[in-house]
């Protein structure tokens, strides 16, 4: 687990591996376009408008992180405190550029964010075929000595019948990791 600061904005997390420098920090409005590009580049995330990512980092920067490798945006995690339960951090999207996969970057970003925000519990939704995300959050639960539970949350019927490609959105299960503190 990388060193973490009280808040990512105060002190970024640096970890050098060989000749590359990894920085995990709070995103700024200037990073909004990079988040949009990273999300689109995954080929699997639901991609929102660039405006949504810019607005996200304006309003939810303290519950999100961006990772840079040698100054190049390499990944991000967007999250927010649930309005009805501020002790719960909901993770909305996790993205890692394909050039930077296999380096535990998502795990390092998630650990940094959880240590910074210090929620009592974490929630996220994952489709049943997303083994990488299931492993990421299962690993967090293991590392934090917490339990991970799953429950059905959104069915295919909760989403529009098909997007412009004709694909139906898969059901999303709710994963909860708790307790974290």
C-alpha atoms as a PDB file:
ATOM      1  CA  UNK A   1       0.000   0.000   0.000  1.00  0.00           C
ATOM      2  CA  UNK A   2       1.447   3.421  -0.909  1.00  0.00           C
ATOM      3  CA  UNK A   3       1.999   6.137   1.618  1.00  0.00           C
ATOM      4  CA  UNK A   4      -1.062   8.331   1.896  1.00  0.00           C
ATOM      5  CA  UNK A   5      -1.720  11.833   3.054  1.00  0.00           C
ATOM      6  CA  UNK A   6      -4.574  13.144   5.180  1.00  0.00           C
ATOM      7  CA  UNK A   7      -6.191  14.359   2.000  1.00  0.00           C
ATOM      8  CA  UNK A   8      -4.897  13.739  -1.513  1.00  0.00           C
ATOM      9  CA  UNK A   9      -4.979  17.477  -2.218  1.00  0.00           C
ATOM     10  CA  UNK A  10      -2.567  18.284   0.607  1.00  0.00           C
ATOM     11  CA  UNK A  11       0.043  15.684  -0.241  1.00  0.00           C
ATOM     12  CA  UNK A  12       0.015  13.466  -3.272  1.00  0.00           C
ATOM     13  CA  UNK A  13       1.034   9.844  -3.109  1.00  0.00           C
ATOM     14  CA  UNK A  14       4.259   9.125  -4.929  1.00  0.00           C
ATOM     15  CA  UNK A  15       5.640   5.715  -5.656  1.00  0.00           C
ATOM     16  CA  UNK A  16       8.575   5.193  -7.942  1.00  0.00           C
ATOM     17  CA  UNK A  17       8.900   1.848  -9.631  1.00  0.00           C
ATOM     18  CA  UNK A  18      12.121   1.651 -11.543  1.00  0.00           C
ATOM     19  CA  UNK A  19      12.364   4.777 -13.627  1.00  0.00           C
ATOM     20  CA  UNK A  20       8.692   5.790 -13.570  1.00  0.00           C
ATOM     21  CA  UNK A  21       7.053   8.139 -11.101  1.00  0.00           C
ATOM     22  CA  UNK A  22       3.447   7.491 -10.020  1.00  0.00           C
ATOM     23  CA  UNK A  23       1.456  10.302  -8.430  1.00  0.00           C
ATOM     24  CA  UNK A  24      -2.036   9.808  -7.009  1.00  0.00           C
ATOM     25  CA  UNK A  25      -3.786  13.060  -6.174  1.00  0.00           C
ATOM     26  CA  UNK A  26      -7.064  14.913  -5.981  1.00  0.00           C
ATOM     27  CA  UNK A  27      -8.266  15.888  -9.468  1.00  0.00           C
ATOM     28  CA  UNK A  28      -8.857  19.496 -10.457  1.00  0.00           C
ATOM     29  CA  UNK A  29     -11.169  21.042 -13.043  1.00  0.00           C
ATOM     30  CA  UNK A  30      -8.202  20.992 -15.433  1.00  0.00           C
ATOM     31  CA  UNK A  31      -8.239  17.159 -15.144  1.00  0.00           C
ATOM     32  CA  UNK A  32     -11.886  16.785 -16.177  1.00  0.00           C
ATOM     33  CA  UNK A  33     -11.086  16.232 -19.841  1.00  0.00           C
ATOM     34  CA  UNK A  34      -8.460  13.631 -18.931  1.00  0.00           C
ATOM     35  CA  UNK A  35     -11.041  11.720 -16.878  1.00  0.00           C
ATOM     36  CA  UNK A  36     -13.408  11.750 -19.862  1.00  0.00           C
ATOM     37  CA  UNK A  37     -10.643  10.493 -22.198  1.00  0.00           C
ATOM     38  CA  UNK A  38      -9.636   7.764 -19.737  1.00  0.00           C
ATOM     39  CA  UNK A  39     -13.258   6.606 -19.339  1.00  0.00           C
ATOM     40  CA  UNK A  40     -13.796   6.552 -23.100  1.00  0.00           C
ATOM     41  CA  UNK A  41     -10.496   4.751 -23.636  1.00  0.00           C
ATOM     42  CA  UNK A  42     -11.496   1.791 -21.489  1.00  0.00           C
ATOM     43  CA  UNK A  43     -14.059   0.690 -24.035  1.00  0.00           C
ATOM     44  CA  UNK A  44     -16.230  -0.724 -21.231  1.00  0.00           C
ATOM     45  CA  UNK A  45     -17.283   2.134 -18.949  1.00  0.00           C
ATOM     46  CA  UNK A  46     -20.495   4.072 -19.492  1.00  0.00           C
ATOM     47  CA  UNK A  47     -19.001   7.304 -20.854  1.00  0.00           C
ATOM     48  CA  UNK A  48     -20.626  10.565 -19.869  1.00  0.00           C
ATOM     49  CA  UNK A  49     -20.176  13.945 -21.533  1.00  0.00           C
ATOM     50  CA  UNK A  50     -16.896  15.828 -21.023  1.00  0.00           C
ATOM     51  CA  UNK A  51     -18.968  18.428 -19.166  1.00  0.00           C
ATOM     52  CA  UNK A  52     -20.063  15.785 -16.627  1.00  0.00           C
ATOM     53  CA  UNK A  53     -16.433  14.924 -15.787  1.00  0.00           C
ATOM     54  CA  UNK A  54     -15.456  18.585 -15.494  1.00  0.00           C
ATOM     55  CA  UNK A  55     -18.441  19.208 -13.218  1.00  0.00           C
ATOM     56  CA  UNK A  56     -17.607  16.028 -11.270  1.00  0.00           C
ATOM     57  CA  UNK A  57     -14.103  17.170 -10.393  1.00  0.00           C
ATOM     58  CA  UNK A  58     -15.409  20.575  -9.427  1.00  0.00           C
ATOM     59  CA  UNK A  59     -18.004  19.189  -7.016  1.00  0.00           C
ATOM     60  CA  UNK A  60     -16.632  15.781  -5.948  1.00  0.00           C
ATOM     61  CA  UNK A  61     -12.853  16.172  -6.118  1.00  0.00           C
ATOM     62  CA  UNK A  62     -12.393  15.323  -2.438  1.00  0.00           C
ATOM     63  CA  UNK A  63     -13.893  11.878  -3.007  1.00  0.00           C
ATOM     64  CA  UNK A  64     -12.054  11.157  -6.256  1.00  0.00           C
ATOM     65  CA  UNK A  65      -8.446  10.616  -7.347  1.00  0.00           C
ATOM     66  CA  UNK A  66      -6.391  10.754 -10.520  1.00  0.00           C
ATOM     67  CA  UNK A  67      -3.164   8.836 -11.086  1.00  0.00           C
ATOM     68  CA  UNK A  68      -0.363  10.080 -13.293  1.00  0.00           C
ATOM     69  CA  UNK A  69       2.630   8.060 -14.414  1.00  0.00           C
ATOM     70  CA  UNK A  70       5.547  10.315 -15.328  1.00  0.00           C
ATOM     71  CA  UNK A  71       3.044  13.178 -15.638  1.00  0.00           C
ATOM     72  CA  UNK A  72       0.704  11.284 -17.996  1.00  0.00           C
ATOM     73  CA  UNK A  73      -2.894  10.710 -16.816  1.00  0.00           C
ATOM     74  CA  UNK A  74      -3.049   6.941 -16.283  1.00  0.00           C
ATOM     75  CA  UNK A  75      -6.234   6.345 -14.294  1.00  0.00           C
ATOM     76  CA  UNK A  76      -8.908   7.752 -12.036  1.00  0.00           C
ATOM     77  CA  UNK A  77     -11.531   6.804  -9.500  1.00  0.00           C
ATOM     78  CA  UNK A  78     -14.646   8.911  -9.066  1.00  0.00           C
ATOM     79  CA  UNK A  79     -16.711   8.657  -5.934  1.00  0.00           C
ATOM     80  CA  UNK A  80     -19.032  10.548  -3.643  1.00  0.00           C
ATOM     81  CA  UNK A  81     -20.460  10.402  -0.143  1.00  0.00           C
ATOM     82  CA  UNK A  82     -24.036   9.156  -0.295  1.00  0.00           C
ATOM     83  CA  UNK A  83     -26.316  12.071   0.628  1.00  0.00           C
ATOM     84  CA  UNK A  84     -28.592   9.804   2.702  1.00  0.00           C
ATOM     85  CA  UNK A  85     -25.591   8.183   4.418  1.00  0.00           C
ATOM     86  CA  UNK A  86     -22.474  10.417   4.486  1.00  0.00           C
ATOM     87  CA  UNK A  87     -20.433   7.659   6.162  1.00  0.00           C
ATOM     88  CA  UNK A  88     -20.695   5.654   2.926  1.00  0.00           C
ATOM     89  CA  UNK A  89     -18.328   6.333   0.037  1.00  0.00           C
ATOM     90  CA  UNK A  90     -19.880   5.256  -3.252  1.00  0.00           C
ATOM     91  CA  UNK A  91     -17.366   4.492  -6.006  1.00  0.00           C
ATOM     92  CA  UNK A  92     -18.859   5.417  -9.349  1.00  0.00           C
ATOM     93  CA  UNK A  93     -16.129   4.728 -11.915  1.00  0.00           C
ATOM     94  CA  UNK A  94     -12.649   3.191 -11.914  1.00  0.00           C
ATOM     95  CA  UNK A  95     -10.573   3.595 -15.063  1.00  0.00           C
ATOM     96  CA  UNK A  96      -6.982   2.678 -15.905  1.00  0.00           C
ATOM     97  CA  UNK A  97      -5.474   3.376 -19.313  1.00  0.00           C
ATOM     98  CA  UNK A  98      -4.546   0.099 -21.036  1.00  0.00           C
ATOM     99  CA  UNK A  99      -0.893   1.208 -21.252  1.00  0.00           C
ATOM    100  CA  UNK A 100      -0.715   1.237 -17.446  1.00  0.00           C
ATOM    101  CA  UNK A 101      -2.626  -1.930 -16.544  1.00  0.00           C
ATOM    102  CA  UNK A 102      -0.982  -4.737 -14.623  1.00  0.00           C
ATOM    103  CA  UNK A 103       0.763  -2.371 -12.188  1.00  0.00           C
ATOM    104  CA  UNK A 104      -1.851  -2.500  -9.383  1.00  0.00           C
ATOM    105  CA  UNK A 105      -2.674   1.130 -10.172  1.00  0.00           C
ATOM    106  CA  UNK A 106      -6.417   0.694  -9.494  1.00  0.00           C
ATOM    107  CA  UNK A 107      -5.673  -0.936  -6.142  1.00  0.00           C
ATOM    108  CA  UNK A 108      -3.233   1.821  -5.201  1.00  0.00           C
ATOM    109  CA  UNK A 109      -5.727   4.539  -6.188  1.00  0.00           C
ATOM    110  CA  UNK A 110      -8.532   2.853  -4.236  1.00  0.00           C
ATOM    111  CA  UNK A 111      -6.372   2.430  -1.128  1.00  0.00           C
ATOM    112  CA  UNK A 112      -5.280   6.064  -1.284  1.00  0.00           C
ATOM    113  CA  UNK A 113      -8.856   7.279  -1.690  1.00  0.00           C
ATOM    114  CA  UNK A 114     -10.265   5.133   1.132  1.00  0.00           C
ATOM    115  CA  UNK A 115      -7.456   6.166   3.481  1.00  0.00           C
ATOM    116  CA  UNK A 116      -8.050   9.818   2.630  1.00  0.00           C
ATOM    117  CA  UNK A 117     -11.850   9.882   2.869  1.00  0.00           C
ATOM    118  CA  UNK A 118     -11.989   7.424   5.813  1.00  0.00           C
ATOM    119  CA  UNK A 119     -15.550   6.208   5.257  1.00  0.00           C
ATOM    120  CA  UNK A 120     -17.158   3.607   7.526  1.00  0.00           C
ATOM    121  CA  UNK A 121     -18.297   1.668   4.481  1.00  0.00           C
ATOM    122  CA  UNK A 122     -17.801   1.628   0.734  1.00  0.00           C
ATOM    123  CA  UNK A 123     -20.346   0.801  -1.949  1.00  0.00           C
ATOM    124  CA  UNK A 124     -20.047   0.239  -5.664  1.00  0.00           C
ATOM    125  CA  UNK A 125     -22.018  -1.486  -8.384  1.00  0.00           C
ATOM    126  CA  UNK A 126     -20.482  -4.142 -10.620  1.00  0.00           C
ATOM    127  CA  UNK A 127     -21.834  -6.276 -13.445  1.00  0.00           C
ATOM    128  CA  UNK A 128     -21.497 -10.010 -12.872  1.00  0.00           C
ATOM    129  CA  UNK A 129     -18.992 -10.428 -15.734  1.00  0.00           C
ATOM    130  CA  UNK A 130     -16.529  -7.787 -14.447  1.00  0.00           C
ATOM    131  CA  UNK A 131     -13.943 -10.044 -12.787  1.00  0.00           C
ATOM    132  CA  UNK A 132     -11.344  -7.259 -12.514  1.00  0.00           C
ATOM    133  CA  UNK A 133     -13.634  -4.978 -10.490  1.00  0.00           C
ATOM    134  CA  UNK A 134     -14.833  -7.835  -8.310  1.00  0.00           C
ATOM    135  CA  UNK A 135     -11.182  -8.706  -7.571  1.00  0.00           C
ATOM    136  CA  UNK A 136     -10.330  -5.040  -6.878  1.00  0.00           C
ATOM    137  CA  UNK A 137     -13.029  -4.593  -4.230  1.00  0.00           C
ATOM    138  CA  UNK A 138     -12.545  -8.082  -2.780  1.00  0.00           C
ATOM    139  CA  UNK A 139      -8.846  -7.210  -2.376  1.00  0.00           C
ATOM    140  CA  UNK A 140      -9.745  -3.960  -0.609  1.00  0.00           C
ATOM    141  CA  UNK A 141     -11.978  -5.861   1.822  1.00  0.00           C
ATOM    142  CA  UNK A 142      -9.183  -8.348   2.510  1.00  0.00           C
ATOM    143  CA  UNK A 143      -6.570  -5.610   2.978  1.00  0.00           C
ATOM    144  CA  UNK A 144      -8.822  -3.668   5.359  1.00  0.00           C
ATOM    145  CA  UNK A 145     -10.024  -6.709   7.311  1.00  0.00           C
ATOM    146  CA  UNK A 146     -13.583  -5.932   6.252  1.00  0.00           C
ATOM    147  CA  UNK A 147     -16.423  -8.035   4.904  1.00  0.00           C
ATOM    148  CA  UNK A 148     -17.684  -7.763   1.346  1.00  0.00           C
ATOM    149  CA  UNK A 149     -21.331  -8.458   0.596  1.00  0.00           C
ATOM    150  CA  UNK A 150     -23.310  -8.424  -2.622  1.00  0.00           C
ATOM    151  CA  UNK A 151     -26.957  -7.864  -3.389  1.00  0.00           C
ATOM    152  CA  UNK A 152     -28.968  -7.295  -6.538  1.00  0.00           C
ATOM    153  CA  UNK A 153     -29.524  -3.578  -7.098  1.00  0.00           C
ATOM    154  CA  UNK A 154     -30.333  -2.595 -10.696  1.00  0.00           C
ATOM    155  CA  UNK A 155     -31.786  -5.092 -13.148  1.00  0.00           C
ATOM    156  CA  UNK A 156     -31.563  -4.858 -16.930  1.00  0.00           C
ATOM    157  CA  UNK A 157     -35.147  -3.553 -16.855  1.00  0.00           C
ATOM    158  CA  UNK A 158     -34.001  -0.510 -14.846  1.00  0.00           C
ATOM    159  CA  UNK A 159     -31.950   0.721 -17.831  1.00  0.00           C
ATOM    160  CA  UNK A 160     -33.148   1.923 -21.232  1.00  0.00           C
ATOM    161  CA  UNK A 161     -33.978  -1.060 -23.434  1.00  0.00           C
ATOM    162  CA  UNK A 162     -30.945  -0.526 -25.664  1.00  0.00           C
ATOM    163  CA  UNK A 163     -28.273   2.061 -26.379  1.00  0.00           C
ATOM    164  CA  UNK A 164     -27.478   3.266 -29.905  1.00  0.00           C
ATOM    165  CA  UNK A 165     -25.403   0.105 -30.522  1.00  0.00           C
ATOM    166  CA  UNK A 166     -28.420  -2.054 -29.701  1.00  0.00           C
ATOM    167  CA  UNK A 167     -26.827  -3.458 -26.539  1.00  0.00           C
ATOM    168  CA  UNK A 168     -28.822  -3.808 -23.347  1.00  0.00           C
ATOM    169  CA  UNK A 169     -27.121  -2.625 -20.160  1.00  0.00           C
ATOM    170  CA  UNK A 170     -26.289  -5.541 -17.865  1.00  0.00           C
ATOM    171  CA  UNK A 171     -27.675  -5.759 -14.346  1.00  0.00           C
ATOM    172  CA  UNK A 172     -25.561  -4.084 -11.659  1.00  0.00           C
ATOM    173  CA  UNK A 173     -25.026  -5.756  -8.286  1.00  0.00           C
ATOM    174  CA  UNK A 174     -24.333  -3.689  -5.174  1.00  0.00           C
ATOM    175  CA  UNK A 175     -21.044  -4.550  -3.442  1.00  0.00           C
ATOM    176  CA  UNK A 176     -20.572  -3.260   0.095  1.00  0.00           C
ATOM    177  CA  UNK A 177     -17.248  -3.302   1.964  1.00  0.00           C
ATOM    178  CA  UNK A 178     -17.603  -2.734   5.701  1.00  0.00           C
ATOM    179  CA  UNK A 179     -16.620  -1.881   8.323  1.00  0.00           C
ATOM    180  CA  UNK A 180     -13.670   0.227   7.194  1.00  0.00           C
ATOM    181  CA  UNK A 181     -12.874   2.112  10.418  1.00  0.00           C
END
